[in-house]
Amino acid sequence: MEKKKEFNTKTLTLMAFGIALNIIGAFIALTFRLPIYMDSIGTIMVAILLGPKYAVMTGVCGSLISGTFDVYSLYYAPVQISTGLLAGIVAERGLLKGMKTPLGVLLFAIPTSIVSAIITVVLFDGITSSGSSYILQFLSGIGMNKVMAAFLVQIVTDYADKFTAVALVSLGLNAMPKKFVASFSKR
């Protein structure tokens, strides 16, 4: 029988580390105007180790803190909720390991992309602090409908972003002692 996960110092510390990863990743992506966001690395790590509930809290806290240097981040908190919830569910089903990873990422990147595209178009008319805004503006400039351009850009960039995050988390977890990583799944 699986033991219920508890909110304790170890859990809180891992969540704080996840929040820090989100903030650092977002800052790097913003500084270099990358076409990916890098703001959900910590959320995905927490989703894999602790599950959806803790991942959602990690993502929202990261968005709130990142909002101090990038106001757009505040508006994208629903994307972090979607990412944490769905990545946690997908991870619990074993779809973020090995050959299943591309499919697992797709399962949570598509709904996240839809939420993100709606926020981008409705609130910001396609122009945000992200480097992906350049791609969206280019597509709009050559005649593509802005809504369609936003969905296309978000699906491509969100998948690349989430796949990169899962790959980085997997590399990090594989570098850690197996006993330490396993201590989270047995809680």
Protein backbone atom coordinates (compact mmCIF):
# COMPACT_ATOMS: atom_id res chain seq x y z
CA MET A 1 0.00 0.00 0.00
CA GLU A 2 1.37 3.39 -0.99
CA LYS A 3 2.02 5.79 1.84
CA LYS A 4 0.33 9.21 1.55
CA LYS A 5 2.67 12.04 0.57
CA GLU A 6 3.13 14.52 3.38
CA PHE A 7 3.89 18.20 3.37
CA ASN A 8 7.11 18.29 5.38
CA THR A 9 10.51 19.97 5.33
CA LYS A 10 11.84 17.69 2.59
CA THR A 11 8.80 18.40 0.39
CA LEU A 12 8.95 22.13 1.06
CA THR A 13 12.68 22.21 0.29
CA LEU A 14 12.18 20.39 -3.01
CA MET A 15 9.36 22.78 -3.93
CA ALA A 16 11.57 25.79 -3.07
CA PHE A 17 14.30 24.34 -5.29
CA GLY A 18 11.73 23.87 -8.06
CA ILE A 19 10.57 27.48 -7.70
CA ALA A 20 14.20 28.63 -7.93
CA LEU A 21 14.72 26.55 -11.09
CA ASN A 22 11.59 28.12 -12.64
CA ILE A 23 12.75 31.65 -11.81
CA ILE A 24 16.31 31.11 -13.05
CA GLY A 25 15.08 29.44 -16.25
CA ALA A 26 12.57 32.23 -16.90
CA PHE A 27 15.23 34.86 -16.30
CA ILE A 28 17.64 33.18 -18.74
CA ALA A 29 14.94 32.85 -21.42
CA LEU A 30 13.86 36.47 -20.94
CA THR A 31 17.42 37.83 -20.94
CA PHE A 32 18.39 36.03 -24.13
CA ARG A 33 14.92 36.35 -25.76
CA LEU A 34 14.82 32.61 -26.35
CA PRO A 35 11.87 31.20 -28.29
CA ILE A 36 11.28 28.78 -25.39
CA TYR A 37 10.31 29.81 -21.88
CA MET A 38 12.34 27.62 -19.49
CA ASP A 39 9.98 28.61 -16.65
CA SER A 40 8.62 25.16 -15.87
CA ILE A 41 11.75 23.08 -15.26
CA GLY A 42 11.15 23.10 -11.51
CA THR A 43 7.42 22.50 -11.92
CA ILE A 44 8.13 19.40 -14.01
CA MET A 45 10.77 18.16 -11.56
CA VAL A 46 8.29 18.47 -8.69
CA ALA A 47 5.56 16.84 -10.84
CA ILE A 48 7.80 13.81 -11.41
CA LEU A 49 8.97 13.50 -7.80
CA LEU A 50 5.95 14.61 -5.78
CA GLY A 51 2.95 14.64 -8.10
CA PRO A 52 0.46 17.14 -9.49
CA LYS A 53 -0.67 18.93 -6.31
CA TYR A 54 2.83 20.00 -5.32
CA ALA A 55 3.76 20.79 -8.92
CA VAL A 56 0.82 23.20 -9.26
CA MET A 57 1.87 25.03 -6.08
CA THR A 58 5.47 25.19 -7.30
CA GLY A 59 4.46 26.57 -10.70
CA VAL A 60 2.14 29.23 -9.32
CA CYS A 61 4.69 30.41 -6.75
CA GLY A 62 7.33 30.59 -9.50
CA SER A 63 5.01 32.71 -11.66
CA LEU A 64 4.25 35.07 -8.79
CA ILE A 65 7.91 35.61 -7.99
CA SER A 66 8.96 35.86 -11.66
CA GLY A 67 6.30 38.55 -11.98
CA THR A 68 8.62 40.87 -10.07
CA PHE A 69 10.94 41.09 -13.10
CA ASP A 70 8.55 40.05 -15.89
CA VAL A 71 4.96 41.20 -15.36
CA TYR A 72 3.76 38.87 -18.15
CA SER A 73 4.64 35.91 -15.94
CA LEU A 74 1.75 36.71 -13.60
CA TYR A 75 -0.77 36.33 -16.38
CA TYR A 76 0.62 32.94 -17.36
CA ALA A 77 0.06 31.36 -13.93
CA PRO A 78 -2.81 29.28 -15.45
CA VAL A 79 -0.22 27.74 -17.77
CA GLN A 80 1.82 26.69 -14.74
CA ILE A 81 -1.32 25.19 -13.19
CA SER A 82 -1.97 23.21 -16.37
CA THR A 83 1.68 22.15 -16.63
CA GLY A 84 1.94 21.04 -13.01
CA LEU A 85 -1.36 19.19 -13.00
CA LEU A 86 -0.98 17.42 -16.34
CA ALA A 87 2.77 16.72 -16.09
CA GLY A 88 2.14 15.19 -12.67
CA ILE A 89 -0.62 12.96 -14.00
CA VAL A 90 1.44 11.93 -17.03
CA ALA A 91 4.48 11.24 -14.82
CA GLU A 92 2.40 9.11 -12.43
CA ARG A 93 1.43 6.97 -15.40
CA GLY A 94 5.08 6.45 -16.35
CA LEU A 95 4.88 8.41 -19.61
CA LEU A 96 7.88 10.65 -18.95
CA LYS A 97 10.44 7.84 -19.03
CA GLY A 98 12.41 6.40 -21.91
CA MET A 99 10.76 5.99 -25.29
CA LYS A 100 7.39 7.15 -23.91
CA THR A 101 8.72 10.64 -23.18
CA PRO A 102 7.82 12.31 -26.51
CA LEU A 103 4.22 11.12 -26.20
CA GLY A 104 4.04 12.02 -22.52
CA VAL A 105 5.28 15.54 -23.21
CA LEU A 106 2.77 15.91 -26.04
CA LEU A 107 -0.07 14.91 -23.71
CA PHE A 108 0.58 17.84 -21.39
CA ALA A 109 2.08 20.31 -23.89
CA ILE A 110 -1.00 20.52 -26.14
CA PRO A 111 -3.49 21.57 -23.43
CA THR A 112 -0.86 23.92 -21.99
CA SER A 113 -0.35 25.41 -25.47
CA ILE A 114 -4.05 26.10 -25.83
CA VAL A 115 -4.18 27.93 -22.49
CA SER A 116 -1.03 29.85 -23.37
CA ALA A 117 -2.24 30.84 -26.84
CA ILE A 118 -5.55 32.12 -25.48
CA ILE A 119 -3.74 34.29 -22.91
CA THR A 120 -1.29 35.54 -25.55
CA VAL A 121 -3.98 36.57 -28.04
CA VAL A 122 -6.77 37.76 -25.74
CA LEU A 123 -4.70 39.68 -23.20
CA PHE A 124 -1.65 40.74 -25.18
CA ASP A 125 -2.64 40.70 -28.85
CA GLY A 126 0.32 38.39 -29.51
CA ILE A 127 3.06 40.57 -28.04
CA THR A 128 4.73 39.43 -24.82
CA SER A 129 8.21 39.48 -23.32
CA SER A 130 9.01 36.07 -24.85
CA GLY A 131 11.24 35.51 -27.83
CA SER A 132 8.39 33.53 -29.41
CA SER A 133 6.58 36.86 -29.93
CA TYR A 134 8.99 37.57 -32.79
CA ILE A 135 7.87 34.39 -34.55
CA LEU A 136 4.20 35.22 -33.98
CA GLN A 137 4.66 38.74 -35.32
CA PHE A 138 6.48 37.40 -38.39
CA LEU A 139 3.68 34.94 -39.15
CA SER A 140 1.07 37.67 -38.69
CA GLY A 141 3.11 39.97 -40.91
CA ILE A 142 3.09 37.50 -43.79
CA GLY A 143 -0.68 37.25 -43.61
CA MET A 144 -1.46 34.46 -41.16
CA ASN A 145 -4.44 35.07 -38.90
CA LYS A 146 -3.09 36.20 -35.49
CA VAL A 147 -5.10 33.61 -33.54
CA MET A 148 -3.90 30.79 -35.81
CA ALA A 149 -0.33 32.12 -35.64
CA ALA A 150 -0.50 32.20 -31.82
CA PHE A 151 -1.74 28.61 -31.64
CA LEU A 152 0.91 27.40 -34.09
CA VAL A 153 3.72 29.24 -32.30
CA GLN A 154 2.54 28.11 -28.86
CA ILE A 155 2.21 24.46 -29.84
CA VAL A 156 5.69 24.35 -31.38
CA THR A 157 7.44 26.42 -28.71
CA ASP A 158 5.58 24.84 -25.76
CA TYR A 159 6.40 21.34 -26.96
CA ALA A 160 10.07 22.29 -27.43
CA ASP A 161 10.09 24.01 -24.04
CA LYS A 162 8.43 21.16 -22.16
CA PHE A 163 10.52 18.49 -23.90
CA THR A 164 13.69 20.42 -23.03
CA ALA A 165 12.52 20.74 -19.42
CA VAL A 166 11.75 17.01 -19.14
CA ALA A 167 15.14 16.16 -20.66
CA LEU A 168 16.97 18.48 -18.23
CA VAL A 169 15.04 17.09 -15.27
CA SER A 170 15.76 13.51 -16.39
CA LEU A 171 19.48 14.29 -16.70
CA GLY A 172 19.47 15.88 -13.25
CA LEU A 173 17.57 13.03 -11.62
CA ASN A 174 19.80 10.43 -13.28
CA ALA A 175 22.84 12.22 -11.83
CA MET A 176 21.42 12.06 -8.30
CA PRO A 177 21.79 9.02 -6.05
CA LYS A 178 19.01 6.57 -6.89
CA LYS A 179 18.18 6.14 -3.20
CA PHE A 180 17.53 9.87 -2.85
CA VAL A 181 15.25 10.02 -5.90
CA ALA A 182 13.41 6.87 -4.77
CA SER A 183 12.79 8.42 -1.34
CA PHE A 184 10.25 10.76 -2.91
CA SER A 185 8.25 8.07 -4.69
CA LYS A 186 7.93 5.91 -1.55
CA ARG A 187 6.42 8.67 0.58
